[in-house]
């Protein structure tokens, strides 16, 4: 099977994440996309209003429950601690040797791929799927070593200017986030009173 992996904090999961998963699935003709919440992202500080790992996982499972081809993997949550993509993809490729994996990233991340931890090892295991996002460099503007450039596929994605940070900031201000997150996630956030001031 051809599997796309979309990692992130998903705090909370929002429509942009689901659109990214769908665009990658369609653009690369993937069988499935697995959304993978991180436990401790190495490049992000956890905000004081961050949801617990179990809550982020619950929201992801609610958001994807209706879809057979968009799933959730909790591999990084189960492992705990700081997760590096090289370690995670080593574990996944060893657990699923018959699958072909594409790691889905934003165009902004494509430009800094050479600085990723153990990037050569990672690139030998997976392809990268870069989502073409407005305001970020395009494939023609990014200079990557040939070994990386040959492992990078570009996927067209519409402009969706939504972020988890924006959703949380609206909640802190007491404003609605309906239509920015799936209905099931909206209900969960309200029930749990997540991200409130």
C-alpha atoms as a PDB file:
ATOM      1  CA  UNK A   1       0.000   0.000   0.000  1.00  0.00           C
ATOM      2  CA  UNK A   2       1.021   3.608  -0.578  1.00  0.00           C
ATOM      3  CA  UNK A   3       0.716   5.486   2.706  1.00  0.00           C
ATOM      4  CA  UNK A   4       1.091   9.184   3.428  1.00  0.00           C
ATOM      5  CA  UNK A   5       2.158  10.265   6.919  1.00  0.00           C
ATOM      6  CA  UNK A   6       1.055  13.710   8.081  1.00  0.00           C
ATOM      7  CA  UNK A   7       2.592  14.591  11.424  1.00  0.00           C
ATOM      8  CA  UNK A   8       1.813  17.495  13.696  1.00  0.00           C
ATOM      9  CA  UNK A   9       0.661  18.531  17.129  1.00  0.00           C
ATOM     10  CA  UNK A  10      -2.978  18.692  15.944  1.00  0.00           C
ATOM     11  CA  UNK A  11      -3.816  20.954  18.873  1.00  0.00           C
ATOM     12  CA  UNK A  12      -6.539  20.938  17.677  1.00  0.00           C
ATOM     13  CA  UNK A  13      -6.972  19.191  14.332  1.00  0.00           C
ATOM     14  CA  UNK A  14      -8.647  21.620  11.900  1.00  0.00           C
ATOM     15  CA  UNK A  15     -10.009  21.681   8.357  1.00  0.00           C
ATOM     16  CA  UNK A  16      -6.608  22.622   6.930  1.00  0.00           C
ATOM     17  CA  UNK A  17      -5.149  19.338   8.183  1.00  0.00           C
ATOM     18  CA  UNK A  18      -7.928  17.326   6.554  1.00  0.00           C
ATOM     19  CA  UNK A  19      -7.666  19.254   3.287  1.00  0.00           C
ATOM     20  CA  UNK A  20      -3.895  18.648   3.284  1.00  0.00           C
ATOM     21  CA  UNK A  21      -4.448  14.925   3.820  1.00  0.00           C
ATOM     22  CA  UNK A  22      -6.993  14.781   0.987  1.00  0.00           C
ATOM     23  CA  UNK A  23      -4.817  16.766  -1.417  1.00  0.00           C
ATOM     24  CA  UNK A  24      -1.813  14.526  -0.736  1.00  0.00           C
ATOM     25  CA  UNK A  25      -3.913  11.384  -1.087  1.00  0.00           C
ATOM     26  CA  UNK A  26      -5.363  12.501  -4.399  1.00  0.00           C
ATOM     27  CA  UNK A  27      -2.236  14.147  -5.780  1.00  0.00           C
ATOM     28  CA  UNK A  28       0.021  11.158  -5.105  1.00  0.00           C
ATOM     29  CA  UNK A  29      -2.654   8.468  -5.533  1.00  0.00           C
ATOM     30  CA  UNK A  30      -2.097   7.194  -2.004  1.00  0.00           C
ATOM     31  CA  UNK A  31      -4.183   4.377  -0.559  1.00  0.00           C
ATOM     32  CA  UNK A  32      -4.345   5.989   2.868  1.00  0.00           C
ATOM     33  CA  UNK A  33      -3.100   8.984   4.827  1.00  0.00           C
ATOM     34  CA  UNK A  34      -2.216   8.462   8.478  1.00  0.00           C
ATOM     35  CA  UNK A  35      -2.397  11.494  10.769  1.00  0.00           C
ATOM     36  CA  UNK A  36       0.335  11.190  13.388  1.00  0.00           C
ATOM     37  CA  UNK A  37       0.219  13.396  16.498  1.00  0.00           C
ATOM     38  CA  UNK A  38       3.592  14.166  18.047  1.00  0.00           C
ATOM     39  CA  UNK A  39       4.228  13.742  21.750  1.00  0.00           C
ATOM     40  CA  UNK A  40       6.834  16.490  22.185  1.00  0.00           C
ATOM     41  CA  UNK A  41       7.660  18.315  18.958  1.00  0.00           C
ATOM     42  CA  UNK A  42      11.384  19.121  18.881  1.00  0.00           C
ATOM     43  CA  UNK A  43      10.838  22.526  17.203  1.00  0.00           C
ATOM     44  CA  UNK A  44       7.790  23.818  19.114  1.00  0.00           C
ATOM     45  CA  UNK A  45       7.187  25.077  22.612  1.00  0.00           C
ATOM     46  CA  UNK A  46       4.056  23.696  24.252  1.00  0.00           C
ATOM     47  CA  UNK A  47       1.686  26.569  25.003  1.00  0.00           C
ATOM     48  CA  UNK A  48       0.102  26.843  28.423  1.00  0.00           C
ATOM     49  CA  UNK A  49      -3.312  26.168  26.864  1.00  0.00           C
ATOM     50  CA  UNK A  50      -2.211  23.000  25.059  1.00  0.00           C
ATOM     51  CA  UNK A  51      -4.549  20.020  25.167  1.00  0.00           C
ATOM     52  CA  UNK A  52      -3.328  16.783  26.710  1.00  0.00           C
ATOM     53  CA  UNK A  53      -2.018  14.087  24.372  1.00  0.00           C
ATOM     54  CA  UNK A  54      -5.102  11.917  24.981  1.00  0.00           C
ATOM     55  CA  UNK A  55      -7.396  14.827  24.093  1.00  0.00           C
ATOM     56  CA  UNK A  56      -5.511  15.549  20.868  1.00  0.00           C
ATOM     57  CA  UNK A  57      -5.772  11.862  19.964  1.00  0.00           C
ATOM     58  CA  UNK A  58      -9.498  11.803  20.800  1.00  0.00           C
ATOM     59  CA  UNK A  59     -10.097  14.817  18.551  1.00  0.00           C
ATOM     60  CA  UNK A  60      -8.174  13.208  15.681  1.00  0.00           C
ATOM     61  CA  UNK A  61     -10.118   9.970  15.998  1.00  0.00           C
ATOM     62  CA  UNK A  62     -13.404  11.883  15.980  1.00  0.00           C
ATOM     63  CA  UNK A  63     -12.324  13.935  12.955  1.00  0.00           C
ATOM     64  CA  UNK A  64     -11.393  10.852  10.910  1.00  0.00           C
ATOM     65  CA  UNK A  65     -14.040   8.372  12.107  1.00  0.00           C
ATOM     66  CA  UNK A  66     -16.147   8.707   8.946  1.00  0.00           C
ATOM     67  CA  UNK A  67     -13.269   8.049   6.532  1.00  0.00           C
ATOM     68  CA  UNK A  68     -11.718   4.701   5.611  1.00  0.00           C
ATOM     69  CA  UNK A  69      -8.705   6.244   3.891  1.00  0.00           C
ATOM     70  CA  UNK A  70      -7.722   8.863   6.496  1.00  0.00           C
ATOM     71  CA  UNK A  71      -6.581   7.209   9.711  1.00  0.00           C
ATOM     72  CA  UNK A  72      -4.697   7.969  12.911  1.00  0.00           C
ATOM     73  CA  UNK A  73      -1.488   6.402  14.196  1.00  0.00           C
ATOM     74  CA  UNK A  74      -0.455   6.984  17.793  1.00  0.00           C
ATOM     75  CA  UNK A  75       3.084   5.617  17.392  1.00  0.00           C
ATOM     76  CA  UNK A  76       4.763   8.797  18.656  1.00  0.00           C
ATOM     77  CA  UNK A  77       2.335   9.246  21.544  1.00  0.00           C
ATOM     78  CA  UNK A  78       2.971   5.672  22.690  1.00  0.00           C
ATOM     79  CA  UNK A  79       6.733   6.129  22.481  1.00  0.00           C
ATOM     80  CA  UNK A  80       6.653   9.407  24.418  1.00  0.00           C
ATOM     81  CA  UNK A  81       9.421  11.960  24.673  1.00  0.00           C
ATOM     82  CA  UNK A  82      10.873  13.923  21.792  1.00  0.00           C
ATOM     83  CA  UNK A  83      10.217  12.250  18.454  1.00  0.00           C
ATOM     84  CA  UNK A  84      12.385  12.646  15.403  1.00  0.00           C
ATOM     85  CA  UNK A  85      10.993  11.721  12.010  1.00  0.00           C
ATOM     86  CA  UNK A  86      13.980   9.466  11.277  1.00  0.00           C
ATOM     87  CA  UNK A  87      13.219   7.310  14.328  1.00  0.00           C
ATOM     88  CA  UNK A  88       9.498   7.169  13.647  1.00  0.00           C
ATOM     89  CA  UNK A  89       9.833   6.264   9.991  1.00  0.00           C
ATOM     90  CA  UNK A  90      12.435   3.610  10.817  1.00  0.00           C
ATOM     91  CA  UNK A  91       9.901   2.012  13.167  1.00  0.00           C
ATOM     92  CA  UNK A  92       7.056   2.265  10.631  1.00  0.00           C
ATOM     93  CA  UNK A  93       9.028   0.938   7.666  1.00  0.00           C
ATOM     94  CA  UNK A  94      10.204  -1.997   9.771  1.00  0.00           C
ATOM     95  CA  UNK A  95       6.676  -2.689  11.064  1.00  0.00           C
ATOM     96  CA  UNK A  96       5.138  -2.413   7.563  1.00  0.00           C
ATOM     97  CA  UNK A  97       7.838  -3.569   5.124  1.00  0.00           C
ATOM     98  CA  UNK A  98       5.351  -3.947   2.249  1.00  0.00           C
ATOM     99  CA  UNK A  99       4.117  -0.339   2.472  1.00  0.00           C
ATOM    100  CA  UNK A 100       5.587   2.603   0.577  1.00  0.00           C
ATOM    101  CA  UNK A 101       5.617   5.729   2.728  1.00  0.00           C
ATOM    102  CA  UNK A 102       5.485   9.396   1.795  1.00  0.00           C
ATOM    103  CA  UNK A 103       6.098  11.919   4.561  1.00  0.00           C
ATOM    104  CA  UNK A 104       3.843  14.947   4.002  1.00  0.00           C
ATOM    105  CA  UNK A 105       5.319  18.380   4.747  1.00  0.00           C
ATOM    106  CA  UNK A 106       4.572  22.005   3.968  1.00  0.00           C
ATOM    107  CA  UNK A 107       6.547  23.892   1.351  1.00  0.00           C
ATOM    108  CA  UNK A 108       8.159  25.857   4.191  1.00  0.00           C
ATOM    109  CA  UNK A 109       9.636  22.635   5.589  1.00  0.00           C
ATOM    110  CA  UNK A 110      10.881  21.467   2.173  1.00  0.00           C
ATOM    111  CA  UNK A 111      13.370  24.321   2.111  1.00  0.00           C
ATOM    112  CA  UNK A 112      15.016  23.178   5.359  1.00  0.00           C
ATOM    113  CA  UNK A 113      15.016  19.433   4.726  1.00  0.00           C
ATOM    114  CA  UNK A 114      18.834  19.282   4.613  1.00  0.00           C
ATOM    115  CA  UNK A 115      18.933  20.373   8.282  1.00  0.00           C
ATOM    116  CA  UNK A 116      16.663  17.557   9.512  1.00  0.00           C
ATOM    117  CA  UNK A 117      18.195  15.050  11.908  1.00  0.00           C
ATOM    118  CA  UNK A 118      19.624  12.008  10.034  1.00  0.00           C
ATOM    119  CA  UNK A 119      18.107  13.235   6.779  1.00  0.00           C
ATOM    120  CA  UNK A 120      20.074  10.829   4.559  1.00  0.00           C
ATOM    121  CA  UNK A 121      18.788   7.838   6.497  1.00  0.00           C
ATOM    122  CA  UNK A 122      15.255   9.214   6.427  1.00  0.00           C
ATOM    123  CA  UNK A 123      15.352   9.919   2.685  1.00  0.00           C
ATOM    124  CA  UNK A 124      16.451   6.334   2.054  1.00  0.00           C
ATOM    125  CA  UNK A 125      13.252   5.108   3.727  1.00  0.00           C
ATOM    126  CA  UNK A 126      10.568   7.516   2.481  1.00  0.00           C
ATOM    127  CA  UNK A 127       9.638  10.003  -0.188  1.00  0.00           C
ATOM    128  CA  UNK A 128       8.576  13.493   0.804  1.00  0.00           C
ATOM    129  CA  UNK A 129       5.344  15.109  -0.317  1.00  0.00           C
ATOM    130  CA  UNK A 130       5.564  18.905  -0.145  1.00  0.00           C
ATOM    131  CA  UNK A 131       2.273  20.801  -0.075  1.00  0.00           C
ATOM    132  CA  UNK A 132       2.528  23.845  -2.304  1.00  0.00           C
ATOM    133  CA  UNK A 133       1.358  26.655   0.005  1.00  0.00           C
ATOM    134  CA  UNK A 134       0.866  30.290  -1.026  1.00  0.00           C
ATOM    135  CA  UNK A 135       3.520  32.588   0.385  1.00  0.00           C
ATOM    136  CA  UNK A 136       6.149  29.867   0.635  1.00  0.00           C
ATOM    137  CA  UNK A 137       8.872  28.885  -1.829  1.00  0.00           C
ATOM    138  CA  UNK A 138       7.860  26.762  -4.804  1.00  0.00           C
ATOM    139  CA  UNK A 139       9.748  23.749  -6.103  1.00  0.00           C
ATOM    140  CA  UNK A 140      11.534  25.888  -8.705  1.00  0.00           C
ATOM    141  CA  UNK A 141      12.790  28.287  -6.011  1.00  0.00           C
ATOM    142  CA  UNK A 142      14.222  25.708  -3.614  1.00  0.00           C
ATOM    143  CA  UNK A 143      17.785  24.513  -4.010  1.00  0.00           C
ATOM    144  CA  UNK A 144      18.147  21.021  -2.552  1.00  0.00           C
ATOM    145  CA  UNK A 145      20.892  18.435  -2.959  1.00  0.00           C
ATOM    146  CA  UNK A 146      20.018  16.062  -5.800  1.00  0.00           C
ATOM    147  CA  UNK A 147      19.607  13.126  -3.406  1.00  0.00           C
ATOM    148  CA  UNK A 148      16.818  15.023  -1.635  1.00  0.00           C
ATOM    149  CA  UNK A 149      15.318  16.720  -4.681  1.00  0.00           C
ATOM    150  CA  UNK A 150      14.830  13.328  -6.322  1.00  0.00           C
ATOM    151  CA  UNK A 151      12.863  12.126  -3.275  1.00  0.00           C
ATOM    152  CA  UNK A 152      10.513  15.127  -3.207  1.00  0.00           C
ATOM    153  CA  UNK A 153       7.067  15.236  -4.812  1.00  0.00           C
ATOM    154  CA  UNK A 154       5.048  18.444  -4.968  1.00  0.00           C
ATOM    155  CA  UNK A 155       1.316  18.470  -4.264  1.00  0.00           C
ATOM    156  CA  UNK A 156      -0.998  21.318  -5.151  1.00  0.00           C
ATOM    157  CA  UNK A 157      -3.120  22.571  -2.270  1.00  0.00           C
ATOM    158  CA  UNK A 158      -5.599  25.428  -2.069  1.00  0.00           C
ATOM    159  CA  UNK A 159      -4.847  28.358   0.203  1.00  0.00           C
ATOM    160  CA  UNK A 160      -6.303  27.548   3.620  1.00  0.00           C
ATOM    161  CA  UNK A 161      -5.216  30.131   6.146  1.00  0.00           C
ATOM    162  CA  UNK A 162      -6.146  28.240   9.318  1.00  0.00           C
ATOM    163  CA  UNK A 163      -3.789  27.141  12.060  1.00  0.00           C
ATOM    164  CA  UNK A 164      -4.186  25.456  15.425  1.00  0.00           C
ATOM    165  CA  UNK A 165      -2.665  28.567  17.010  1.00  0.00           C
ATOM    166  CA  UNK A 166      -5.418  30.688  15.446  1.00  0.00           C
ATOM    167  CA  UNK A 167      -8.140  28.287  16.649  1.00  0.00           C
ATOM    168  CA  UNK A 168      -6.773  28.384  20.198  1.00  0.00           C
ATOM    169  CA  UNK A 169      -6.511  32.182  20.154  1.00  0.00           C
ATOM    170  CA  UNK A 170     -10.158  32.486  19.110  1.00  0.00           C
ATOM    171  CA  UNK A 171     -11.185  30.188  21.958  1.00  0.00           C
ATOM    172  CA  UNK A 172      -9.190  32.269  24.455  1.00  0.00           C
ATOM    173  CA  UNK A 173     -11.141  35.328  23.271  1.00  0.00           C
ATOM    174  CA  UNK A 174     -14.452  33.479  23.681  1.00  0.00           C
ATOM    175  CA  UNK A 175     -15.087  33.432  19.931  1.00  0.00           C
ATOM    176  CA  UNK A 176     -16.511  30.613  17.825  1.00  0.00           C
ATOM    177  CA  UNK A 177     -14.322  28.109  15.974  1.00  0.00           C
ATOM    178  CA  UNK A 178     -17.235  26.407  14.230  1.00  0.00           C
ATOM    179  CA  UNK A 179     -16.422  25.570  10.589  1.00  0.00           C
ATOM    180  CA  UNK A 180     -12.679  25.882  11.320  1.00  0.00           C
ATOM    181  CA  UNK A 181     -12.664  22.406  12.856  1.00  0.00           C
ATOM    182  CA  UNK A 182     -14.814  19.342  12.062  1.00  0.00           C
ATOM    183  CA  UNK A 183     -18.203  19.350  13.813  1.00  0.00           C
ATOM    184  CA  UNK A 184     -17.249  16.417  16.041  1.00  0.00           C
ATOM    185  CA  UNK A 185     -14.106  18.267  17.158  1.00  0.00           C
ATOM    186  CA  UNK A 186     -16.069  21.480  17.708  1.00  0.00           C
ATOM    187  CA  UNK A 187     -18.447  19.602  20.018  1.00  0.00           C
ATOM    188  CA  UNK A 188     -15.534  17.981  21.864  1.00  0.00           C
ATOM    189  CA  UNK A 189     -13.768  21.327  22.396  1.00  0.00           C
ATOM    190  CA  UNK A 190     -16.959  22.846  23.796  1.00  0.00           C
ATOM    191  CA  UNK A 191     -17.724  19.860  26.022  1.00  0.00           C
ATOM    192  CA  UNK A 192     -14.200  19.829  27.467  1.00  0.00           C
ATOM    193  CA  UNK A 193     -13.941  23.626  27.497  1.00  0.00           C
ATOM    194  CA  UNK A 194     -10.572  23.347  25.806  1.00  0.00           C
ATOM    195  CA  UNK A 195      -8.416  26.400  25.093  1.00  0.00           C
ATOM    196  CA  UNK A 196     -10.602  28.749  27.116  1.00  0.00           C
ATOM    197  CA  UNK A 197      -8.998  31.728  28.836  1.00  0.00           C
END
